[in-house]
Amino acid sequence: MTVNSWTPTHPWRGIMVATALPLREDLSVDHDAYAEHVRWLLDNGCDGVVPNGSLGEYQTLTPDERARVVRTAVEAAGDGARVMPGVAAYGGAEARRWADQAAEAGCGSVLLLPPNAYRADEDAVRAHYAEVARAGIPVVAYNNPIDTKVDLTPALLARLHAEGRVVAVKEFSGDVRRAYELAELAPGLDLLIGADDVLLELAVAGAVGWVAGYPNALPAACAELYRAAVAGDLTTALPLYRALHPLLRWDSRTEFVQAIKLSMDIAGRHGGPTRHPRLPLTGAAEAAVRAATEKALADGHR
């Protein structure tokens, strides 16, 4: 097995799908549909799942719903190591409780944003990751300075890694140049692709995993793209990347949850509605997602 693949000792590698959460028309969580979705993703070339991320609308879930989503994912996957829940919270104490719950459920790792309700400084970030690391489960940092206003720079990530706080980073800044600085400063830190529309660039730069959005709708095509990209097979990867990029770039837009759920509906899956404050796509945005999804399906990308 290559370094770019999922293994029980490195369960954050490979294609870890940030799962969309099926909701009924009354906006209650459909746990049966979610379990089926997890199984379907694993059966179609993905390595694991990431429940309770932004794509899973974790901010809108009650504590009971959030805990049950993790348990549902573990049971459906049949192997808790293939589940990497998001444990983001306002402060380290609450995030630590979610990490403890993930460990108790048998998960293989957790995904952790920095404090995300204010612009935390470096000391606050280090304390946050230190607290969650005490849960004893591998922690993958999530760098999303666009939304959190806290930038996990390569230097800060190298420090967190040296302190034993994080094993990997989901890199969502969009700055692919960081891959090379991270490799220099923290060669033992695993780089995970954090935005679908820089997949090829980060794969070529040495990423060993992908916390992915669009496999929710097109898992087989996305799995083919990822595996070709990390293998350096640009003959296969580049044309597929170009074909899928009109969809992949929605993963970096504000409406990414609605866009991916709409693509799932068009592809014959259950995307369904979103909870407030997210509203359904309309107008030009809806038309663009619909057209790109239908073209991908017509071209045989599923």
C-alpha atoms as a PDB file:
ATOM      1  CA  MET A   1       0.000   0.000   0.000  1.00  0.00           C
ATOM      2  CA  THR A   2       1.366   3.409  -0.950  1.00  0.00           C
ATOM      3  CA  VAL A   3       1.805   6.425   1.277  1.00  0.00           C
ATOM      4  CA  ASN A   4      -1.183   8.070  -0.451  1.00  0.00           C
ATOM      5  CA  SER A   5      -3.596   5.331   0.622  1.00  0.00           C
ATOM      6  CA  TRP A   6      -5.713   4.711   3.684  1.00  0.00           C
ATOM      7  CA  THR A   7      -4.204   2.363   6.283  1.00  0.00           C
ATOM      8  CA  PRO A   8      -5.323   1.420   9.819  1.00  0.00           C
ATOM      9  CA  THR A   9      -2.201   3.108  11.181  1.00  0.00           C
ATOM     10  CA  HIS A  10      -2.826   6.290   9.165  1.00  0.00           C
ATOM     11  CA  PRO A  11      -6.625   6.393   8.941  1.00  0.00           C
ATOM     12  CA  TRP A  12      -6.757  10.035   7.863  1.00  0.00           C
ATOM     13  CA  ARG A  13      -5.106   9.280   4.505  1.00  0.00           C
ATOM     14  CA  GLY A  14      -6.778   8.436   1.203  1.00  0.00           C
ATOM     15  CA  ILE A  15     -10.213   9.749   0.239  1.00  0.00           C
ATOM     16  CA  MET A  16     -12.070  10.805   3.373  1.00  0.00           C
ATOM     17  CA  VAL A  17     -15.433  12.190   2.297  1.00  0.00           C
ATOM     18  CA  ALA A  18     -16.832  15.127   4.233  1.00  0.00           C
ATOM     19  CA  THR A  19     -20.317  13.720   4.199  1.00  0.00           C
ATOM     20  CA  ALA A  20     -23.433  15.695   3.435  1.00  0.00           C
ATOM     21  CA  LEU A  21     -26.207  14.918   5.910  1.00  0.00           C
ATOM     22  CA  PRO A  22     -29.560  13.736   4.546  1.00  0.00           C
ATOM     23  CA  LEU A  23     -32.467  15.687   5.989  1.00  0.00           C
ATOM     24  CA  ARG A  24     -36.154  14.944   5.630  1.00  0.00           C
ATOM     25  CA  GLU A  25     -38.552  17.588   4.342  1.00  0.00           C
ATOM     26  CA  ASP A  26     -39.264  18.600   7.950  1.00  0.00           C
ATOM     27  CA  LEU A  27     -35.473  19.071   8.335  1.00  0.00           C
ATOM     28  CA  SER A  28     -35.061  16.210  10.792  1.00  0.00           C
ATOM     29  CA  VAL A  29     -31.994  14.016  10.304  1.00  0.00           C
ATOM     30  CA  ASP A  30     -32.600  10.850   8.298  1.00  0.00           C
ATOM     31  CA  HIS A  31     -30.138   8.540  10.018  1.00  0.00           C
ATOM     32  CA  ASP A  32     -31.135   5.529   7.911  1.00  0.00           C
ATOM     33  CA  ALA A  33     -30.410   7.456   4.714  1.00  0.00           C
ATOM     34  CA  TYR A  34     -27.132   8.643   6.186  1.00  0.00           C
ATOM     35  CA  ALA A  35     -26.059   5.093   7.025  1.00  0.00           C
ATOM     36  CA  GLU A  36     -26.884   4.011   3.483  1.00  0.00           C
ATOM     37  CA  HIS A  37     -24.898   6.947   2.102  1.00  0.00           C
ATOM     38  CA  VAL A  38     -21.833   6.015   4.156  1.00  0.00           C
ATOM     39  CA  ARG A  39     -21.965   2.426   2.915  1.00  0.00           C
ATOM     40  CA  TRP A  40     -22.436   3.590  -0.679  1.00  0.00           C
ATOM     41  CA  LEU A  41     -19.405   5.858  -0.542  1.00  0.00           C
ATOM     42  CA  LEU A  42     -17.196   3.068   0.793  1.00  0.00           C
ATOM     43  CA  ASP A  43     -18.550   0.683  -1.838  1.00  0.00           C
ATOM     44  CA  ASN A  44     -17.709   3.183  -4.591  1.00  0.00           C
ATOM     45  CA  GLY A  45     -14.013   3.726  -4.027  1.00  0.00           C
ATOM     46  CA  CYS A  46     -13.824   6.076  -1.039  1.00  0.00           C
ATOM     47  CA  ASP A  47     -11.733   5.194   2.007  1.00  0.00           C
ATOM     48  CA  GLY A  48     -13.642   6.782   4.855  1.00  0.00           C
ATOM     49  CA  VAL A  49     -16.010   9.490   5.969  1.00  0.00           C
ATOM     50  CA  VAL A  50     -15.888  12.762   7.877  1.00  0.00           C
ATOM     51  CA  PRO A  51     -19.200  13.394   9.651  1.00  0.00           C
ATOM     52  CA  ASN A  52     -20.011  16.663  11.404  1.00  0.00           C
ATOM     53  CA  GLY A  53     -17.977  18.877   9.137  1.00  0.00           C
ATOM     54  CA  SER A  54     -19.294  22.067   7.586  1.00  0.00           C
ATOM     55  CA  LEU A  55     -20.731  20.028   4.724  1.00  0.00           C
ATOM     56  CA  GLY A  56     -22.566  17.976   7.340  1.00  0.00           C
ATOM     57  CA  GLU A  57     -24.095  21.192   8.753  1.00  0.00           C
ATOM     58  CA  TYR A  58     -22.732  20.456  12.221  1.00  0.00           C
ATOM     59  CA  GLN A  59     -23.372  24.020  13.384  1.00  0.00           C
ATOM     60  CA  THR A  60     -27.129  23.419  13.072  1.00  0.00           C
ATOM     61  CA  LEU A  61     -27.225  20.097  14.946  1.00  0.00           C
ATOM     62  CA  THR A  62     -28.249  19.553  18.537  1.00  0.00           C
ATOM     63  CA  PRO A  63     -25.707  17.765  20.746  1.00  0.00           C
ATOM     64  CA  ASP A  64     -27.798  14.596  20.601  1.00  0.00           C
ATOM     65  CA  GLU A  65     -28.021  14.747  16.813  1.00  0.00           C
ATOM     66  CA  ARG A  66     -24.308  15.375  16.477  1.00  0.00           C
ATOM     67  CA  ALA A  67     -23.398  12.423  18.695  1.00  0.00           C
ATOM     68  CA  ARG A  68     -25.820  10.105  16.922  1.00  0.00           C
ATOM     69  CA  VAL A  69     -24.416  11.040  13.495  1.00  0.00           C
ATOM     70  CA  VAL A  70     -20.996   9.796  14.627  1.00  0.00           C
ATOM     71  CA  ARG A  71     -22.418   6.553  15.993  1.00  0.00           C
ATOM     72  CA  THR A  72     -24.386   6.035  12.774  1.00  0.00           C
ATOM     73  CA  ALA A  73     -21.262   6.558  10.657  1.00  0.00           C
ATOM     74  CA  VAL A  74     -19.220   4.091  12.710  1.00  0.00           C
ATOM     75  CA  GLU A  75     -21.900   1.417  12.563  1.00  0.00           C
ATOM     76  CA  ALA A  76     -22.448   1.897   8.823  1.00  0.00           C
ATOM     77  CA  ALA A  77     -18.737   1.891   8.010  1.00  0.00           C
ATOM     78  CA  GLY A  78     -18.228  -1.345   9.925  1.00  0.00           C
ATOM     79  CA  ASP A  79     -14.832  -0.044  11.009  1.00  0.00           C
ATOM     80  CA  GLY A  80     -14.600   2.999  13.231  1.00  0.00           C
ATOM     81  CA  ALA A  81     -11.085   3.698  12.008  1.00  0.00           C
ATOM     82  CA  ARG A  82     -12.646   4.830   8.726  1.00  0.00           C
ATOM     83  CA  VAL A  83     -14.540   7.621  10.496  1.00  0.00           C
ATOM     84  CA  MET A  84     -12.919  11.009  11.218  1.00  0.00           C
ATOM     85  CA  PRO A  85     -15.531  13.269  12.840  1.00  0.00           C
ATOM     86  CA  GLY A  86     -15.281  16.997  12.896  1.00  0.00           C
ATOM     87  CA  VAL A  87     -14.950  18.150  16.508  1.00  0.00           C
ATOM     88  CA  ALA A  88     -15.000  21.901  15.970  1.00  0.00           C
ATOM     89  CA  ALA A  89     -16.320  24.013  18.836  1.00  0.00           C
ATOM     90  CA  TYR A  90     -16.024  27.494  20.313  1.00  0.00           C
ATOM     91  CA  GLY A  91     -13.425  26.415  22.853  1.00  0.00           C
ATOM     92  CA  GLY A  92     -11.057  23.595  23.651  1.00  0.00           C
ATOM     93  CA  ALA A  93     -13.165  22.108  26.441  1.00  0.00           C
ATOM     94  CA  GLU A  94     -16.165  21.472  24.206  1.00  0.00           C
ATOM     95  CA  ALA A  95     -13.997  20.284  21.308  1.00  0.00           C
ATOM     96  CA  ARG A  96     -12.283  17.913  23.752  1.00  0.00           C
ATOM     97  CA  ARG A  97     -15.674  16.471  24.739  1.00  0.00           C
ATOM     98  CA  TRP A  98     -16.441  15.762  21.083  1.00  0.00           C
ATOM     99  CA  ALA A  99     -13.007  14.160  20.659  1.00  0.00           C
ATOM    100  CA  ASP A 100     -13.640  11.985  23.715  1.00  0.00           C
ATOM    101  CA  GLN A 101     -16.970  10.938  22.215  1.00  0.00           C
ATOM    102  CA  ALA A 102     -15.271  10.064  18.924  1.00  0.00           C
ATOM    103  CA  ALA A 103     -12.672   7.986  20.731  1.00  0.00           C
ATOM    104  CA  GLU A 104     -15.363   6.161  22.696  1.00  0.00           C
ATOM    105  CA  ALA A 105     -17.194   5.419  19.451  1.00  0.00           C
ATOM    106  CA  GLY A 106     -14.035   3.827  18.027  1.00  0.00           C
ATOM    107  CA  CYS A 107     -13.135   6.485  15.449  1.00  0.00           C
ATOM    108  CA  GLY A 108      -9.627   6.526  13.997  1.00  0.00           C
ATOM    109  CA  SER A 109      -8.995  10.276  14.076  1.00  0.00           C
ATOM    110  CA  VAL A 110     -10.720  13.642  14.413  1.00  0.00           C
ATOM    111  CA  LEU A 111     -10.709  16.858  12.388  1.00  0.00           C
ATOM    112  CA  LEU A 112     -10.263  20.073  14.360  1.00  0.00           C
ATOM    113  CA  LEU A 113     -10.603  23.725  13.387  1.00  0.00           C
ATOM    114  CA  PRO A 114      -8.878  26.347  15.518  1.00  0.00           C
ATOM    115  CA  PRO A 115     -11.160  28.393  17.813  1.00  0.00           C
ATOM    116  CA  ASN A 116     -13.636  29.649  15.255  1.00  0.00           C
ATOM    117  CA  ALA A 117     -15.682  32.376  16.888  1.00  0.00           C
ATOM    118  CA  TYR A 118     -12.968  34.992  17.248  1.00  0.00           C
ATOM    119  CA  ARG A 119      -9.519  35.759  15.862  1.00  0.00           C
ATOM    120  CA  ALA A 120      -7.422  33.606  18.222  1.00  0.00           C
ATOM    121  CA  ASP A 121      -3.710  34.323  18.585  1.00  0.00           C
ATOM    122  CA  GLU A 122      -0.977  31.690  18.433  1.00  0.00           C
ATOM    123  CA  ASP A 123      -1.002  30.936  22.164  1.00  0.00           C
ATOM    124  CA  ALA A 124      -4.767  30.378  22.124  1.00  0.00           C
ATOM    125  CA  VAL A 125      -4.485  28.117  19.081  1.00  0.00           C
ATOM    126  CA  ARG A 126      -1.747  26.038  20.692  1.00  0.00           C
ATOM    127  CA  ALA A 127      -3.748  25.680  23.903  1.00  0.00           C
ATOM    128  CA  HIS A 128      -6.821  24.655  21.893  1.00  0.00           C
ATOM    129  CA  TYR A 129      -5.000  21.868  20.067  1.00  0.00           C
ATOM    130  CA  ALA A 130      -3.186  20.768  23.215  1.00  0.00           C
ATOM    131  CA  GLU A 131      -6.477  20.294  25.050  1.00  0.00           C
ATOM    132  CA  VAL A 132      -8.046  18.208  22.293  1.00  0.00           C
ATOM    133  CA  ALA A 133      -4.887  16.130  21.818  1.00  0.00           C
ATOM    134  CA  ARG A 134      -5.297  14.967  25.430  1.00  0.00           C
ATOM    135  CA  ALA A 135      -8.225  12.841  24.256  1.00  0.00           C
ATOM    136  CA  GLY A 136      -5.589  10.456  22.903  1.00  0.00           C
ATOM    137  CA  ILE A 137      -6.999  10.220  19.371  1.00  0.00           C
ATOM    138  CA  PRO A 138      -5.001  11.476  16.344  1.00  0.00           C
ATOM    139  CA  VAL A 139      -5.903  15.071  15.512  1.00  0.00           C
ATOM    140  CA  VAL A 140      -5.981  16.442  11.977  1.00  0.00           C
ATOM    141  CA  ALA A 141      -5.822  20.242  11.912  1.00  0.00           C
ATOM    142  CA  TYR A 142      -8.176  22.074   9.587  1.00  0.00           C
ATOM    143  CA  ASN A 143      -6.816  25.312   8.152  1.00  0.00           C
ATOM    144  CA  ASN A 144      -9.632  27.488   6.823  1.00  0.00           C
ATOM    145  CA  PRO A 145      -8.537  31.098   7.326  1.00  0.00           C
ATOM    146  CA  ILE A 146     -11.251  32.304   4.952  1.00  0.00           C
ATOM    147  CA  ASP A 147     -14.044  31.353   7.353  1.00  0.00           C
ATOM    148  CA  THR A 148     -12.326  31.228  10.755  1.00  0.00           C
ATOM    149  CA  LYS A 149     -10.075  34.301  10.338  1.00  0.00           C
ATOM    150  CA  VAL A 150      -7.369  32.215  12.045  1.00  0.00           C
ATOM    151  CA  ASP A 151      -4.524  31.148   9.775  1.00  0.00           C
ATOM    152  CA  LEU A 152      -2.643  27.964  10.627  1.00  0.00           C
ATOM    153  CA  THR A 153       0.538  29.033   8.861  1.00  0.00           C
ATOM    154  CA  PRO A 154       3.200  26.484   7.943  1.00  0.00           C
ATOM    155  CA  ALA A 155       5.332  27.700  10.847  1.00  0.00           C
ATOM    156  CA  LEU A 156       2.484  27.303  13.342  1.00  0.00           C
ATOM    157  CA  LEU A 157       1.537  23.881  11.977  1.00  0.00           C
ATOM    158  CA  ALA A 158       5.164  22.781  12.240  1.00  0.00           C
ATOM    159  CA  ARG A 159       5.146  23.850  15.887  1.00  0.00           C
ATOM    160  CA  LEU A 160       1.885  22.018  16.614  1.00  0.00           C
ATOM    161  CA  HIS A 161       3.280  18.903  14.944  1.00  0.00           C
ATOM    162  CA  ALA A 162       6.565  19.098  16.865  1.00  0.00           C
ATOM    163  CA  GLU A 163       4.568  19.376  20.087  1.00  0.00           C
ATOM    164  CA  GLY A 164       2.685  16.183  19.229  1.00  0.00           C
ATOM    165  CA  ARG A 165      -0.666  17.937  18.839  1.00  0.00           C
ATOM    166  CA  VAL A 166      -1.487  17.170  15.178  1.00  0.00           C
ATOM    167  CA  VAL A 167      -0.663  14.415  12.702  1.00  0.00           C
ATOM    168  CA  ALA A 168      -1.914  16.075   9.521  1.00  0.00           C
ATOM    169  CA  VAL A 169      -3.557  19.191   8.132  1.00  0.00           C
ATOM    170  CA  LYS A 170      -6.555  19.657   5.904  1.00  0.00           C
ATOM    171  CA  GLU A 171      -5.293  22.637   3.894  1.00  0.00           C
ATOM    172  CA  PHE A 172      -8.111  24.868   2.631  1.00  0.00           C
ATOM    173  CA  SER A 173      -6.336  28.197   2.192  1.00  0.00           C
ATOM    174  CA  GLY A 174      -6.108  27.671  -1.575  1.00  0.00           C
ATOM    175  CA  ASP A 175      -2.426  28.650  -1.514  1.00  0.00           C
ATOM    176  CA  VAL A 176      -0.770  25.587  -3.030  1.00  0.00           C
ATOM    177  CA  ARG A 177       2.679  27.092  -2.397  1.00  0.00           C
ATOM    178  CA  ARG A 178       2.259  26.191   1.266  1.00  0.00           C
ATOM    179  CA  ALA A 179       2.663  22.507   0.459  1.00  0.00           C
ATOM    180  CA  TYR A 180       6.362  22.984  -0.168  1.00  0.00           C
ATOM    181  CA  GLU A 181       6.988  25.119   2.913  1.00  0.00           C
ATOM    182  CA  LEU A 182       5.142  22.571   5.059  1.00  0.00           C
ATOM    183  CA  ALA A 183       7.296  19.775   3.659  1.00  0.00           C
ATOM    184  CA  GLU A 184      10.409  21.732   4.577  1.00  0.00           C
ATOM    185  CA  LEU A 185       9.327  22.763   8.077  1.00  0.00           C
ATOM    186  CA  ALA A 186       7.431  19.626   9.110  1.00  0.00           C
ATOM    187  CA  PRO A 187       8.312  16.702   6.845  1.00  0.00           C
ATOM    188  CA  GLY A 188       6.433  14.281   9.101  1.00  0.00           C
ATOM    189  CA  LEU A 189       3.156  16.207   8.908  1.00  0.00           C
ATOM    190  CA  ASP A 190       0.701  14.711   6.435  1.00  0.00           C
ATOM    191  CA  LEU A 191      -0.773  17.153   3.927  1.00  0.00           C
ATOM    192  CA  LEU A 192      -4.429  16.540   3.038  1.00  0.00           C
ATOM    193  CA  ILE A 193      -6.188  18.243   0.151  1.00  0.00           C
ATOM    194  CA  GLY A 194      -8.814  20.459   1.742  1.00  0.00           C
ATOM    195  CA  ALA A 195     -10.518  22.057  -1.262  1.00  0.00           C
ATOM    196  CA  ASP A 196     -11.731  20.070  -4.247  1.00  0.00           C
ATOM    197  CA  ASP A 197     -10.625  22.666  -6.795  1.00  0.00           C
ATOM    198  CA  VAL A 198      -6.919  22.437  -5.899  1.00  0.00           C
ATOM    199  CA  LEU A 199      -6.855  18.638  -5.845  1.00  0.00           C
ATOM    200  CA  LEU A 200      -4.438  18.157  -8.710  1.00  0.00           C
ATOM    201  CA  GLU A 201      -2.048  20.888  -7.598  1.00  0.00           C
ATOM    202  CA  LEU A 202      -1.784  19.593  -4.021  1.00  0.00           C
ATOM    203  CA  ALA A 203      -1.614  15.955  -5.112  1.00  0.00           C
ATOM    204  CA  VAL A 204       1.370  16.745  -7.328  1.00  0.00           C
ATOM    205  CA  ALA A 205       2.902  18.654  -4.393  1.00  0.00           C
ATOM    206  CA  GLY A 206       2.797  15.570  -2.176  1.00  0.00           C
ATOM    207  CA  ALA A 207      -0.616  15.352  -0.516  1.00  0.00           C
ATOM    208  CA  VAL A 208      -1.391  11.931   0.954  1.00  0.00           C
ATOM    209  CA  GLY A 209      -5.128  12.360   1.397  1.00  0.00           C
ATOM    210  CA  TRP A 210      -8.207  14.309   0.399  1.00  0.00           C
ATOM    211  CA  VAL A 211     -10.959  15.528   2.718  1.00  0.00           C
ATOM    212  CA  ALA A 212     -13.384  15.612  -0.138  1.00  0.00           C
ATOM    213  CA  GLY A 213     -16.740  17.169  -0.984  1.00  0.00           C
ATOM    214  CA  TYR A 214     -17.826  16.150  -4.471  1.00  0.00           C
ATOM    215  CA  PRO A 215     -17.487  12.383  -4.028  1.00  0.00           C
ATOM    216  CA  ASN A 216     -20.840  12.746  -2.233  1.00  0.00           C
ATOM    217  CA  ALA A 217     -22.321  13.002  -5.718  1.00  0.00           C
ATOM    218  CA  LEU A 218     -19.701  11.429  -8.036  1.00  0.00           C
ATOM    219  CA  PRO A 219     -17.592   9.011  -5.967  1.00  0.00           C
ATOM    220  CA  ALA A 220     -16.222   6.741  -8.683  1.00  0.00           C
ATOM    221  CA  ALA A 221     -15.048   9.580 -10.927  1.00  0.00           C
ATOM    222  CA  CYS A 222     -13.551  11.468  -7.997  1.00  0.00           C
ATOM    223  CA  ALA A 223     -11.762   8.332  -6.769  1.00  0.00           C
ATOM    224  CA  GLU A 224     -10.299   7.784 -10.242  1.00  0.00           C
ATOM    225  CA  LEU A 225      -9.139  11.402 -10.326  1.00  0.00           C
ATOM    226  CA  TYR A 226      -7.521  11.290  -6.892  1.00  0.00           C
ATOM    227  CA  ARG A 227      -5.687   8.037  -7.452  1.00  0.00           C
ATOM    228  CA  ALA A 228      -4.373   9.126 -10.843  1.00  0.00           C
ATOM    229  CA  ALA A 229      -3.273  12.483  -9.433  1.00  0.00           C
ATOM    230  CA  VAL A 230      -1.351  11.118  -6.440  1.00  0.00           C
ATOM    231  CA  ALA A 231       0.240   8.488  -8.698  1.00  0.00           C
ATOM    232  CA  GLY A 232       1.511  11.233 -11.013  1.00  0.00           C
ATOM    233  CA  ASP A 233      -0.556   9.877 -13.909  1.00  0.00           C
ATOM    234  CA  LEU A 234      -1.311  13.231 -15.491  1.00  0.00           C
ATOM    235  CA  THR A 235      -2.426  11.608 -18.735  1.00  0.00           C
ATOM    236  CA  THR A 236      -5.449  10.304 -16.852  1.00  0.00           C
ATOM    237  CA  ALA A 237      -5.807  12.966 -14.190  1.00  0.00           C
ATOM    238  CA  LEU A 238      -5.573  16.214 -16.147  1.00  0.00           C
ATOM    239  CA  PRO A 239      -8.452  15.720 -18.622  1.00  0.00           C
ATOM    240  CA  LEU A 240     -10.651  14.327 -15.845  1.00  0.00           C
ATOM    241  CA  TYR A 241      -9.781  17.270 -13.602  1.00  0.00           C
ATOM    242  CA  ARG A 242     -10.677  19.707 -16.365  1.00  0.00           C
ATOM    243  CA  ALA A 243     -13.965  17.916 -16.956  1.00  0.00           C
ATOM    244  CA  LEU A 244     -14.935  17.947 -13.272  1.00  0.00           C
ATOM    245  CA  HIS A 245     -13.552  21.347 -12.305  1.00  0.00           C
ATOM    246  CA  PRO A 246     -16.775  23.270 -13.055  1.00  0.00           C
ATOM    247  CA  LEU A 247     -18.249  21.249 -10.184  1.00  0.00           C
ATOM    248  CA  LEU A 248     -15.191  20.960  -7.957  1.00  0.00           C
ATOM    249  CA  ARG A 249     -14.824  24.732  -7.689  1.00  0.00           C
ATOM    250  CA  TRP A 250     -18.203  24.928  -5.949  1.00  0.00           C
ATOM    251  CA  ASP A 251     -16.540  23.287  -2.948  1.00  0.00           C
ATOM    252  CA  SER A 252     -14.727  26.588  -2.311  1.00  0.00           C
ATOM    253  CA  ARG A 253     -17.808  28.781  -2.552  1.00  0.00           C
ATOM    254  CA  THR A 254     -20.123  29.976   0.174  1.00  0.00           C
ATOM    255  CA  GLU A 255     -22.980  27.868  -1.221  1.00  0.00           C
ATOM    256  CA  PHE A 256     -20.985  24.629  -1.302  1.00  0.00           C
ATOM    257  CA  VAL A 257     -23.422  22.669   0.876  1.00  0.00           C
ATOM    258  CA  GLN A 258     -26.405  23.521  -1.299  1.00  0.00           C
ATOM    259  CA  ALA A 259     -24.406  22.937  -4.498  1.00  0.00           C
ATOM    260  CA  ILE A 260     -23.189  19.481  -3.500  1.00  0.00           C
ATOM    261  CA  LYS A 261     -26.612  18.451  -2.223  1.00  0.00           C
ATOM    262  CA  LEU A 262     -28.181  19.619  -5.497  1.00  0.00           C
ATOM    263  CA  SER A 263     -25.624  17.605  -7.476  1.00  0.00           C
ATOM    264  CA  MET A 264     -26.459  14.576  -5.332  1.00  0.00           C
ATOM    265  CA  ASP A 265     -30.158  14.962  -6.148  1.00  0.00           C
ATOM    266  CA  ILE A 266     -29.411  15.233  -9.873  1.00  0.00           C
ATOM    267  CA  ALA A 267     -27.145  12.172  -9.709  1.00  0.00           C
ATOM    268  CA  GLY A 268     -29.960  10.123  -8.181  1.00  0.00           C
ATOM    269  CA  ARG A 269     -28.790  10.316  -4.586  1.00  0.00           C
ATOM    270  CA  HIS A 270     -30.552  11.963  -1.645  1.00  0.00           C
ATOM    271  CA  GLY A 271     -29.100  15.409  -1.214  1.00  0.00           C
ATOM    272  CA  GLY A 272     -32.244  17.064  -0.034  1.00  0.00           C
ATOM    273  CA  PRO A 273     -32.761  20.316   1.819  1.00  0.00           C
ATOM    274  CA  THR A 274     -30.437  22.267   4.095  1.00  0.00           C
ATOM    275  CA  ARG A 275     -31.146  23.810   7.464  1.00  0.00           C
ATOM    276  CA  HIS A 276     -31.199  27.551   7.951  1.00  0.00           C
ATOM    277  CA  PRO A 277     -29.373  29.808   7.527  1.00  0.00           C
ATOM    278  CA  ARG A 278     -28.650  28.058   4.229  1.00  0.00           C
ATOM    279  CA  LEU A 279     -31.372  28.498   1.636  1.00  0.00           C
ATOM    280  CA  PRO A 280     -31.815  26.532  -1.618  1.00  0.00           C
ATOM    281  CA  LEU A 281     -29.881  27.615  -4.674  1.00  0.00           C
ATOM    282  CA  THR A 282     -31.900  29.632  -7.169  1.00  0.00           C
ATOM    283  CA  GLY A 283     -31.379  31.495 -10.397  1.00  0.00           C
ATOM    284  CA  ALA A 284     -27.979  31.503 -12.069  1.00  0.00           C
ATOM    285  CA  ALA A 285     -26.281  29.522  -9.296  1.00  0.00           C
ATOM    286  CA  GLU A 286     -28.796  26.694  -9.469  1.00  0.00           C
ATOM    287  CA  ALA A 287     -28.618  26.643 -13.269  1.00  0.00           C
ATOM    288  CA  ALA A 288     -24.815  26.506 -13.244  1.00  0.00           C
ATOM    289  CA  VAL A 289     -24.653  23.587 -10.798  1.00  0.00           C
ATOM    290  CA  ARG A 290     -27.398  21.750 -12.634  1.00  0.00           C
ATOM    291  CA  ALA A 291     -25.738  22.190 -16.032  1.00  0.00           C
ATOM    292  CA  ALA A 292     -22.296  21.133 -14.794  1.00  0.00           C
ATOM    293  CA  THR A 293     -23.679  18.080 -13.008  1.00  0.00           C
ATOM    294  CA  GLU A 294     -25.763  16.966 -15.958  1.00  0.00           C
ATOM    295  CA  LYS A 295     -22.787  17.350 -18.293  1.00  0.00           C
ATOM    296  CA  ALA A 296     -20.563  15.311 -15.984  1.00  0.00           C
ATOM    297  CA  LEU A 297     -23.152  12.548 -15.832  1.00  0.00           C
ATOM    298  CA  ALA A 298     -23.714  12.628 -19.602  1.00  0.00           C
ATOM    299  CA  ASP A 299     -19.954  12.271 -20.075  1.00  0.00           C
ATOM    300  CA  GLY A 300     -20.007   9.135 -17.944  1.00  0.00           C
ATOM    301  CA  HIS A 301     -18.569  10.610 -14.737  1.00  0.00           C
ATOM    302  CA  ARG A 302     -20.316   9.110 -11.730  1.00  0.00           C
END
